[in-house]
Amino acid sequence: VVDSMGPDHVHLFARGQDGQLWQK
């Protein structure tokens, strides 16, 4: 799932194989 906090920013979120939330 992708989102942005501004025109020069992107952050991604996903469930990991361990079942928790991860961010990049």
mmCIF file of all heavy atoms, coordinates in Angstrom:
data_MODEL
# 
_entry.id   MODEL 
# 
loop_
_atom_site.group_PDB 
_atom_site.id 
_atom_site.type_symbol 
_atom_site.label_atom_id 
_atom_site.label_alt_id 
_atom_site.label_comp_id 
_atom_site.label_asym_id 
_atom_site.label_entity_id 
_atom_site.label_seq_id 
_atom_site.pdbx_PDB_ins_code 
_atom_site.Cartn_x 
_atom_site.Cartn_y 
_atom_site.Cartn_z 
_atom_site.occupancy 
_atom_site.B_iso_or_equiv 
_atom_site.pdbx_formal_charge 
_atom_site.auth_seq_id 
_atom_site.auth_comp_id 
_atom_site.auth_asym_id 
_atom_site.auth_atom_id 
_atom_site.pdbx_PDB_model_num 
ATOM 1   N N   . VAL A 1 1  ? 0.869  -1.180  0.000  1.00 0.00 ? 1  VAL A N   1 
ATOM 2   C CA  . VAL A 1 1  ? 0.000  0.000   0.000  1.00 0.00 ? 1  VAL A CA  1 
ATOM 3   C C   . VAL A 1 1  ? 0.900  1.223   0.000  1.00 0.00 ? 1  VAL A C   1 
ATOM 4   O O   . VAL A 1 1  ? 1.830  1.315   0.816  1.00 0.00 ? 1  VAL A O   1 
ATOM 5   C CB  . VAL A 1 1  ? -0.934 0.006   1.219  1.00 0.00 ? 1  VAL A CB  1 
ATOM 6   C CG1 . VAL A 1 1  ? -1.759 1.292   1.258  1.00 0.00 ? 1  VAL A CG1 1 
ATOM 7   C CG2 . VAL A 1 1  ? -1.849 -1.209  1.188  1.00 0.00 ? 1  VAL A CG2 1 
ATOM 8   N N   . VAL A 1 2  ? 0.647  2.152   -0.912 1.00 0.00 ? 2  VAL A N   1 
ATOM 9   C CA  . VAL A 1 2  ? 1.529  3.298   -1.083 1.00 0.00 ? 2  VAL A CA  1 
ATOM 10  C C   . VAL A 1 2  ? 0.805  4.587   -0.706 1.00 0.00 ? 2  VAL A C   1 
ATOM 11  O O   . VAL A 1 2  ? -0.399 4.731   -0.926 1.00 0.00 ? 2  VAL A O   1 
ATOM 12  C CB  . VAL A 1 2  ? 2.071  3.358   -2.536 1.00 0.00 ? 2  VAL A CB  1 
ATOM 13  C CG1 . VAL A 1 2  ? 0.940  3.436   -3.536 1.00 0.00 ? 2  VAL A CG1 1 
ATOM 14  C CG2 . VAL A 1 2  ? 3.016  4.524   -2.727 1.00 0.00 ? 2  VAL A CG2 1 
ATOM 15  N N   . ASP A 1 3  ? 1.555  5.513   -0.139 1.00 0.00 ? 3  ASP A N   1 
ATOM 16  C CA  . ASP A 1 3  ? 1.021  6.799   0.295  1.00 0.00 ? 3  ASP A CA  1 
ATOM 17  C C   . ASP A 1 3  ? 2.157  7.809   0.232  1.00 0.00 ? 3  ASP A C   1 
ATOM 18  O O   . ASP A 1 3  ? 3.323  7.452   0.024  1.00 0.00 ? 3  ASP A O   1 
ATOM 19  C CB  . ASP A 1 3  ? 0.482  6.666   1.727  1.00 0.00 ? 3  ASP A CB  1 
ATOM 20  C CG  . ASP A 1 3  ? -0.171 7.936   2.221  1.00 0.00 ? 3  ASP A CG  1 
ATOM 21  O OD1 . ASP A 1 3  ? -1.217 8.308   1.669  1.00 0.00 ? 3  ASP A OD1 1 
ATOM 22  O OD2 . ASP A 1 3  ? 0.368  8.546   3.158  1.00 0.00 ? 3  ASP A OD2 1 
ATOM 23  N N   . SER A 1 4  ? 1.828  9.079   0.385  1.00 0.00 ? 4  SER A N   1 
ATOM 24  C CA  . SER A 1 4  ? 2.838  10.126  0.303  1.00 0.00 ? 4  SER A CA  1 
ATOM 25  C C   . SER A 1 4  ? 2.539  11.234  1.296  1.00 0.00 ? 4  SER A C   1 
ATOM 26  O O   . SER A 1 4  ? 1.379  11.592  1.512  1.00 0.00 ? 4  SER A O   1 
ATOM 27  C CB  . SER A 1 4  ? 2.887  10.701  -1.115 1.00 0.00 ? 4  SER A CB  1 
ATOM 28  O OG  . SER A 1 4  ? 3.736  11.819  -1.189 1.00 0.00 ? 4  SER A OG  1 
ATOM 29  N N   . MET A 1 5  ? 3.599  11.796  1.872  1.00 0.00 ? 5  MET A N   1 
ATOM 30  C CA  . MET A 1 5  ? 3.463  12.940  2.770  1.00 0.00 ? 5  MET A CA  1 
ATOM 31  C C   . MET A 1 5  ? 3.875  14.233  2.087  1.00 0.00 ? 5  MET A C   1 
ATOM 32  O O   . MET A 1 5  ? 3.968  15.286  2.725  1.00 0.00 ? 5  MET A O   1 
ATOM 33  C CB  . MET A 1 5  ? 4.290  12.709  4.038  1.00 0.00 ? 5  MET A CB  1 
ATOM 34  C CG  . MET A 1 5  ? 3.833  11.500  4.829  1.00 0.00 ? 5  MET A CG  1 
ATOM 35  S SD  . MET A 1 5  ? 4.804  11.186  6.328  1.00 0.00 ? 5  MET A SD  1 
ATOM 36  C CE  . MET A 1 5  ? 3.997  12.296  7.496  1.00 0.00 ? 5  MET A CE  1 
ATOM 37  N N   . GLY A 1 6  ? 4.144  14.188  0.784  1.00 0.00 ? 6  GLY A N   1 
ATOM 38  C CA  . GLY A 1 6  ? 4.535  15.385  0.056  1.00 0.00 ? 6  GLY A CA  1 
ATOM 39  C C   . GLY A 1 6  ? 5.040  15.040  -1.326 1.00 0.00 ? 6  GLY A C   1 
ATOM 40  O O   . GLY A 1 6  ? 5.214  13.855  -1.671 1.00 0.00 ? 6  GLY A O   1 
ATOM 41  N N   . PRO A 1 7  ? 5.302  16.030  -2.166 1.00 0.00 ? 7  PRO A N   1 
ATOM 42  C CA  . PRO A 1 7  ? 5.649  15.786  -3.567 1.00 0.00 ? 7  PRO A CA  1 
ATOM 43  C C   . PRO A 1 7  ? 6.965  15.054  -3.779 1.00 0.00 ? 7  PRO A C   1 
ATOM 44  O O   . PRO A 1 7  ? 7.194  14.487  -4.852 1.00 0.00 ? 7  PRO A O   1 
ATOM 45  C CB  . PRO A 1 7  ? 5.700  17.196  -4.170 1.00 0.00 ? 7  PRO A CB  1 
ATOM 46  C CG  . PRO A 1 7  ? 5.910  18.118  -3.014 1.00 0.00 ? 7  PRO A CG  1 
ATOM 47  C CD  . PRO A 1 7  ? 5.214  17.482  -1.866 1.00 0.00 ? 7  PRO A CD  1 
ATOM 48  N N   . ASP A 1 8  ? 7.842  15.042  -2.774 1.00 0.00 ? 8  ASP A N   1 
ATOM 49  C CA  . ASP A 1 8  ? 9.138  14.377  -2.902 1.00 0.00 ? 8  ASP A CA  1 
ATOM 50  C C   . ASP A 1 8  ? 9.293  13.252  -1.884 1.00 0.00 ? 8  ASP A C   1 
ATOM 51  O O   . ASP A 1 8  ? 10.395 12.980  -1.393 1.00 0.00 ? 8  ASP A O   1 
ATOM 52  C CB  . ASP A 1 8  ? 10.276 15.391  -2.754 1.00 0.00 ? 8  ASP A CB  1 
ATOM 53  C CG  . ASP A 1 8  ? 10.287 16.402  -3.891 1.00 0.00 ? 8  ASP A CG  1 
ATOM 54  O OD1 . ASP A 1 8  ? 10.089 15.982  -5.048 1.00 0.00 ? 8  ASP A OD1 1 
ATOM 55  O OD2 . ASP A 1 8  ? 10.468 17.604  -3.628 1.00 0.00 ? 8  ASP A OD2 1 
ATOM 56  N N   . HIS A 1 9  ? 8.185  12.597  -1.572 1.00 0.00 ? 9  HIS A N   1 
ATOM 57  C CA  . HIS A 1 9  ? 8.182  11.541  -0.558 1.00 0.00 ? 9  HIS A CA  1 
ATOM 58  C C   . HIS A 1 9  ? 7.195  10.446  -0.940 1.00 0.00 ? 9  HIS A C   1 
ATOM 59  O O   . HIS A 1 9  ? 6.117  10.720  -1.466 1.00 0.00 ? 9  HIS A O   1 
ATOM 60  C CB  . HIS A 1 9  ? 7.796  12.140  0.815  1.00 0.00 ? 9  HIS A CB  1 
ATOM 61  C CG  . HIS A 1 9  ? 7.602  11.123  1.886  1.00 0.00 ? 9  HIS A CG  1 
ATOM 62  N ND1 . HIS A 1 9  ? 6.387  10.535  2.156  1.00 0.00 ? 9  HIS A ND1 1 
ATOM 63  C CD2 . HIS A 1 9  ? 8.485  10.574  2.758  1.00 0.00 ? 9  HIS A CD2 1 
ATOM 64  C CE1 . HIS A 1 9  ? 6.514  9.690   3.153  1.00 0.00 ? 9  HIS A CE1 1 
ATOM 65  N NE2 . HIS A 1 9  ? 7.776  9.692   3.538  1.00 0.00 ? 9  HIS A NE2 1 
ATOM 66  N N   . VAL A 1 10 ? 7.593  9.215   -0.707 1.00 0.00 ? 10 VAL A N   1 
ATOM 67  C CA  . VAL A 1 10 ? 6.707  8.054   -0.863 1.00 0.00 ? 10 VAL A CA  1 
ATOM 68  C C   . VAL A 1 10 ? 6.980  7.125   0.313  1.00 0.00 ? 10 VAL A C   1 
ATOM 69  O O   . VAL A 1 10 ? 8.139  6.937   0.702  1.00 0.00 ? 10 VAL A O   1 
ATOM 70  C CB  . VAL A 1 10 ? 6.990  7.293   -2.177 1.00 0.00 ? 10 VAL A CB  1 
ATOM 71  C CG1 . VAL A 1 10 ? 6.171  6.008   -2.238 1.00 0.00 ? 10 VAL A CG1 1 
ATOM 72  C CG2 . VAL A 1 10 ? 6.687  8.159   -3.384 1.00 0.00 ? 10 VAL A CG2 1 
ATOM 73  N N   . HIS A 1 11 ? 5.929  6.569   0.899  1.00 0.00 ? 11 HIS A N   1 
ATOM 74  C CA  . HIS A 1 11 ? 6.163  5.485   1.844  1.00 0.00 ? 11 HIS A CA  1 
ATOM 75  C C   . HIS A 1 11 ? 5.221  4.331   1.556  1.00 0.00 ? 11 HIS A C   1 
ATOM 76  O O   . HIS A 1 11 ? 4.081  4.504   1.134  1.00 0.00 ? 11 HIS A O   1 
ATOM 77  C CB  . HIS A 1 11 ? 6.128  5.917   3.312  1.00 0.00 ? 11 HIS A CB  1 
ATOM 78  C CG  . HIS A 1 11 ? 4.936  6.702   3.753  1.00 0.00 ? 11 HIS A CG  1 
ATOM 79  N ND1 . HIS A 1 11 ? 4.764  7.125   5.043  1.00 0.00 ? 11 HIS A ND1 1 
ATOM 80  C CD2 . HIS A 1 11 ? 3.835  7.167   3.096  1.00 0.00 ? 11 HIS A CD2 1 
ATOM 81  C CE1 . HIS A 1 11 ? 3.660  7.801   5.174  1.00 0.00 ? 11 HIS A CE1 1 
ATOM 82  N NE2 . HIS A 1 11 ? 3.065  7.838   4.008  1.00 0.00 ? 11 HIS A NE2 1 
ATOM 83  N N   . LEU A 1 12 ? 5.766  3.120   1.766  1.00 0.00 ? 12 LEU A N   1 
ATOM 84  C CA  . LEU A 1 12 ? 5.068  1.874   1.487  1.00 0.00 ? 12 LEU A CA  1 
ATOM 85  C C   . LEU A 1 12 ? 4.823  1.129   2.779  1.00 0.00 ? 12 LEU A C   1 
ATOM 86  O O   . LEU A 1 12 ? 5.655  1.168   3.706  1.00 0.00 ? 12 LEU A O   1 
ATOM 87  C CB  . LEU A 1 12 ? 5.912  0.984   0.569  1.00 0.00 ? 12 LEU A CB  1 
ATOM 88  C CG  . LEU A 1 12 ? 6.266  1.536   -0.805 1.00 0.00 ? 12 LEU A CG  1 
ATOM 89  C CD1 . LEU A 1 12 ? 7.226  0.577   -1.502 1.00 0.00 ? 12 LEU A CD1 1 
ATOM 90  C CD2 . LEU A 1 12 ? 5.014  1.727   -1.634 1.00 0.00 ? 12 LEU A CD2 1 
ATOM 91  N N   . PHE A 1 13 ? 3.702  0.415   2.804  1.00 0.00 ? 13 PHE A N   1 
ATOM 92  C CA  . PHE A 1 13 ? 3.351  -0.404  3.961  1.00 0.00 ? 13 PHE A CA  1 
ATOM 93  C C   . PHE A 1 13 ? 2.867  -1.752  3.452  1.00 0.00 ? 13 PHE A C   1 
ATOM 94  O O   . PHE A 1 13 ? 2.207  -1.843  2.416  1.00 0.00 ? 13 PHE A O   1 
ATOM 95  C CB  . PHE A 1 13 ? 2.253  0.271   4.787  1.00 0.00 ? 13 PHE A CB  1 
ATOM 96  C CG  . PHE A 1 13 ? 2.647  1.602   5.355  1.00 0.00 ? 13 PHE A CG  1 
ATOM 97  C CD1 . PHE A 1 13 ? 2.568  2.763   4.594  1.00 0.00 ? 13 PHE A CD1 1 
ATOM 98  C CD2 . PHE A 1 13 ? 3.126  1.697   6.656  1.00 0.00 ? 13 PHE A CD2 1 
ATOM 99  C CE1 . PHE A 1 13 ? 2.940  3.999   5.120  1.00 0.00 ? 13 PHE A CE1 1 
ATOM 100 C CE2 . PHE A 1 13 ? 3.500  2.931   7.184  1.00 0.00 ? 13 PHE A CE2 1 
ATOM 101 C CZ  . PHE A 1 13 ? 3.406  4.077   6.417  1.00 0.00 ? 13 PHE A CZ  1 
ATOM 102 N N   . ALA A 1 14 ? 3.185  -2.800  4.196  1.00 0.00 ? 14 ALA A N   1 
ATOM 103 C CA  . ALA A 1 14 ? 2.735  -4.142  3.818  1.00 0.00 ? 14 ALA A CA  1 
ATOM 104 C C   . ALA A 1 14 ? 2.825  -5.054  5.034  1.00 0.00 ? 14 ALA A C   1 
ATOM 105 O O   . ALA A 1 14 ? 3.566  -4.772  5.999  1.00 0.00 ? 14 ALA A O   1 
ATOM 106 C CB  . ALA A 1 14 ? 3.587  -4.698  2.680  1.00 0.00 ? 14 ALA A CB  1 
ATOM 107 N N   . ARG A 1 15 ? 2.079  -6.105  4.991  1.00 0.00 ? 15 ARG A N   1 
ATOM 108 C CA  . ARG A 1 15 ? 2.237  -7.181  5.973  1.00 0.00 ? 15 ARG A CA  1 
ATOM 109 C C   . ARG A 1 15 ? 3.482  -7.975  5.585  1.00 0.00 ? 15 ARG A C   1 
ATOM 110 O O   . ARG A 1 15 ? 3.697  -8.284  4.412  1.00 0.00 ? 15 ARG A O   1 
ATOM 111 C CB  . ARG A 1 15 ? 1.001  -8.065  5.974  1.00 0.00 ? 15 ARG A CB  1 
ATOM 112 C CG  . ARG A 1 15 ? 1.052  -9.250  6.932  1.00 0.00 ? 15 ARG A CG  1 
ATOM 113 C CD  . ARG A 1 15 ? -0.165 -10.128 6.733  1.00 0.00 ? 15 ARG A CD  1 
ATOM 114 N NE  . ARG A 1 15 ? -0.211 -11.238 7.674  1.00 0.00 ? 15 ARG A NE  1 
ATOM 115 C CZ  . ARG A 1 15 ? 0.370  -12.423 7.488  1.00 0.00 ? 15 ARG A CZ  1 
ATOM 116 N NH1 . ARG A 1 15 ? 1.057  -12.642 6.367  1.00 0.00 ? 15 ARG A NH1 1 
ATOM 117 N NH2 . ARG A 1 15 ? 0.252  -13.374 8.386  1.00 0.00 ? 15 ARG A NH2 1 
ATOM 118 N N   . GLY A 1 16 ? 4.318  -8.281  6.557  1.00 0.00 ? 16 GLY A N   1 
ATOM 119 C CA  . GLY A 1 16 ? 5.475  -9.119  6.300  1.00 0.00 ? 16 GLY A CA  1 
ATOM 120 C C   . GLY A 1 16 ? 5.124  -10.592 6.455  1.00 0.00 ? 16 GLY A C   1 
ATOM 121 O O   . GLY A 1 16 ? 4.029  -10.953 6.891  1.00 0.00 ? 16 GLY A O   1 
ATOM 122 N N   . GLN A 1 17 ? 6.073  -11.445 6.118  1.00 0.00 ? 17 GLN A N   1 
ATOM 123 C CA  . GLN A 1 17 ? 5.866  -12.883 6.283  1.00 0.00 ? 17 GLN A CA  1 
ATOM 124 C C   . GLN A 1 17 ? 5.696  -13.263 7.750  1.00 0.00 ? 17 GLN A C   1 
ATOM 125 O O   . GLN A 1 17 ? 5.166  -14.330 8.065  1.00 0.00 ? 17 GLN A O   1 
ATOM 126 C CB  . GLN A 1 17 ? 7.059  -13.635 5.688  1.00 0.00 ? 17 GLN A CB  1 
ATOM 127 C CG  . GLN A 1 17 ? 7.147  -13.559 4.167  1.00 0.00 ? 17 GLN A CG  1 
ATOM 128 C CD  . GLN A 1 17 ? 6.141  -14.453 3.475  1.00 0.00 ? 17 GLN A CD  1 
ATOM 129 O OE1 . GLN A 1 17 ? 6.000  -15.631 3.819  1.00 0.00 ? 17 GLN A OE1 1 
ATOM 130 N NE2 . GLN A 1 17 ? 5.428  -13.923 2.489  1.00 0.00 ? 17 GLN A NE2 1 
ATOM 131 N N   . ASP A 1 18 ? 6.147  -12.386 8.664  1.00 0.00 ? 18 ASP A N   1 
ATOM 132 C CA  . ASP A 1 18 ? 5.995  -12.641 10.098 1.00 0.00 ? 18 ASP A CA  1 
ATOM 133 C C   . ASP A 1 18 ? 4.661  -12.174 10.642 1.00 0.00 ? 18 ASP A C   1 
ATOM 134 O O   . ASP A 1 18 ? 4.399  -12.285 11.842 1.00 0.00 ? 18 ASP A O   1 
ATOM 135 C CB  . ASP A 1 18 ? 7.139  -11.982 10.869 1.00 0.00 ? 18 ASP A CB  1 
ATOM 136 C CG  . ASP A 1 18 ? 7.225  -10.464 10.643 1.00 0.00 ? 18 ASP A CG  1 
ATOM 137 O OD1 . ASP A 1 18 ? 6.399  -9.928  9.868  1.00 0.00 ? 18 ASP A OD1 1 
ATOM 138 O OD2 . ASP A 1 18 ? 8.111  -9.824  11.234 1.00 0.00 ? 18 ASP A OD2 1 
ATOM 139 N N   . GLY A 1 19 ? 3.801  -11.608 9.779  1.00 0.00 ? 19 GLY A N   1 
ATOM 140 C CA  . GLY A 1 19 ? 2.458  -11.210 10.194 1.00 0.00 ? 19 GLY A CA  1 
ATOM 141 C C   . GLY A 1 19 ? 2.358  -9.797  10.721 1.00 0.00 ? 19 GLY A C   1 
ATOM 142 O O   . GLY A 1 19 ? 1.252  -9.316  10.977 1.00 0.00 ? 19 GLY A O   1 
ATOM 143 N N   . GLN A 1 20 ? 3.483  -9.086  10.899 1.00 0.00 ? 20 GLN A N   1 
ATOM 144 C CA  . GLN A 1 20 ? 3.409  -7.725  11.411 1.00 0.00 ? 20 GLN A CA  1 
ATOM 145 C C   . GLN A 1 20 ? 3.474  -6.711  10.262 1.00 0.00 ? 20 GLN A C   1 
ATOM 146 O O   . GLN A 1 20 ? 3.745  -7.064  9.105  1.00 0.00 ? 20 GLN A O   1 
ATOM 147 C CB  . GLN A 1 20 ? 4.525  -7.456  12.422 1.00 0.00 ? 20 GLN A CB  1 
ATOM 148 C CG  . GLN A 1 20 ? 5.932  -7.417  11.868 1.00 0.00 ? 20 GLN A CG  1 
ATOM 149 C CD  . GLN A 1 20 ? 6.957  -7.014  12.922 1.00 0.00 ? 20 GLN A CD  1 
ATOM 150 O OE1 . GLN A 1 20 ? 6.784  -6.008  13.619 1.00 0.00 ? 20 GLN A OE1 1 
ATOM 151 N NE2 . GLN A 1 20 ? 8.015  -7.812  13.065 1.00 0.00 ? 20 GLN A NE2 1 
ATOM 152 N N   . LEU A 1 21 ? 3.230  -5.464  10.582 1.00 0.00 ? 21 LEU A N   1 
ATOM 153 C CA  . LEU A 1 21 ? 3.301  -4.378  9.617  1.00 0.00 ? 21 LEU A CA  1 
ATOM 154 C C   . LEU A 1 21 ? 4.745  -3.958  9.405  1.00 0.00 ? 21 LEU A C   1 
ATOM 155 O O   . LEU A 1 21 ? 5.521  -3.830  10.365 1.00 0.00 ? 21 LEU A O   1 
ATOM 156 C CB  . LEU A 1 21 ? 2.490  -3.181  10.124 1.00 0.00 ? 21 LEU A CB  1 
ATOM 157 C CG  . LEU A 1 21 ? 2.489  -1.935  9.226  1.00 0.00 ? 21 LEU A CG  1 
ATOM 158 C CD1 . LEU A 1 21 ? 1.683  -2.196  7.960  1.00 0.00 ? 21 LEU A CD1 1 
ATOM 159 C CD2 . LEU A 1 21 ? 1.939  -0.731  9.980  1.00 0.00 ? 21 LEU A CD2 1 
ATOM 160 N N   . TRP A 1 22 ? 5.103  -3.709  8.126  1.00 0.00 ? 22 TRP A N   1 
ATOM 161 C CA  . TRP A 1 22 ? 6.426  -3.217  7.782  1.00 0.00 ? 22 TRP A CA  1 
ATOM 162 C C   . TRP A 1 22 ? 6.278  -1.956  6.933  1.00 0.00 ? 22 TRP A C   1 
ATOM 163 O O   . TRP A 1 22 ? 5.287  -1.778  6.227  1.00 0.00 ? 22 TRP A O   1 
ATOM 164 C CB  . TRP A 1 22 ? 7.223  -4.266  7.013  1.00 0.00 ? 22 TRP A CB  1 
ATOM 165 C CG  . TRP A 1 22 ? 7.685  -5.422  7.857  1.00 0.00 ? 22 TRP A CG  1 
ATOM 166 C CD1 . TRP A 1 22 ? 6.915  -6.438  8.357  1.00 0.00 ? 22 TRP A CD1 1 
ATOM 167 C CD2 . TRP A 1 22 ? 9.025  -5.667  8.297  1.00 0.00 ? 22 TRP A CD2 1 
ATOM 168 N NE1 . TRP A 1 22 ? 7.683  -7.312  9.087  1.00 0.00 ? 22 TRP A NE1 1 
ATOM 169 C CE2 . TRP A 1 22 ? 9.001  -6.867  9.065  1.00 0.00 ? 22 TRP A CE2 1 
ATOM 170 C CE3 . TRP A 1 22 ? 10.239 -5.012  8.124  1.00 0.00 ? 22 TRP A CE3 1 
ATOM 171 C CZ2 . TRP A 1 22 ? 10.138 -7.406  9.648  1.00 0.00 ? 22 TRP A CZ2 1 
ATOM 172 C CZ3 . TRP A 1 22 ? 11.391 -5.555  8.698  1.00 0.00 ? 22 TRP A CZ3 1 
ATOM 173 C CH2 . TRP A 1 22 ? 11.338 -6.735  9.456  1.00 0.00 ? 22 TRP A CH2 1 
ATOM 174 N N   . GLN A 1 23 ? 7.290  -1.089  6.997  1.00 0.00 ? 23 GLN A N   1 
ATOM 175 C CA  . GLN A 1 23 ? 7.283  0.179   6.275  1.00 0.00 ? 23 GLN A CA  1 
ATOM 176 C C   . GLN A 1 23 ? 8.619  0.400   5.564  1.00 0.00 ? 23 GLN A C   1 
ATOM 177 O O   . GLN A 1 23 ? 9.677  0.003   6.057  1.00 0.00 ? 23 GLN A O   1 
ATOM 178 C CB  . GLN A 1 23 ? 7.045  1.345   7.237  1.00 0.00 ? 23 GLN A CB  1 
ATOM 179 C CG  . GLN A 1 23 ? 7.054  2.732   6.570  1.00 0.00 ? 23 GLN A CG  1 
ATOM 180 C CD  . GLN A 1 23 ? 7.154  3.876   7.562  1.00 0.00 ? 23 GLN A CD  1 
ATOM 181 O OE1 . GLN A 1 23 ? 7.620  3.678   8.684  1.00 0.00 ? 23 GLN A OE1 1 
ATOM 182 N NE2 . GLN A 1 23 ? 6.738  5.052   7.165  1.00 0.00 ? 23 GLN A NE2 1 
ATOM 183 N N   . LYS A 1 24 ? 8.540  1.045   4.400  1.00 0.00 ? 24 LYS A N   1 
ATOM 184 C CA  . LYS A 1 24 ? 9.726  1.442   3.647  1.00 0.00 ? 24 LYS A CA  1 
ATOM 185 C C   . LYS A 1 24 ? 9.425  2.799   3.017  1.00 0.00 ? 24 LYS A C   1 
ATOM 186 O O   . LYS A 1 24 ? 8.290  3.039   2.600  1.00 0.00 ? 24 LYS A O   1 
ATOM 187 C CB  . LYS A 1 24 ? 10.016 0.405   2.561  1.00 0.00 ? 24 LYS A CB  1 
ATOM 188 C CG  . LYS A 1 24 ? 11.206 0.698   1.665  1.00 0.00 ? 24 LYS A CG  1 
ATOM 189 C CD  . LYS A 1 24 ? 11.378 -0.399  0.610  1.00 0.00 ? 24 LYS A CD  1 
ATOM 190 C CE  . LYS A 1 24 ? 12.564 -0.112  -0.297 1.00 0.00 ? 24 LYS A CE  1 
ATOM 191 N NZ  . LYS A 1 24 ? 12.799 -1.188  -1.274 1.00 0.00 ? 24 LYS A NZ  1 
# 
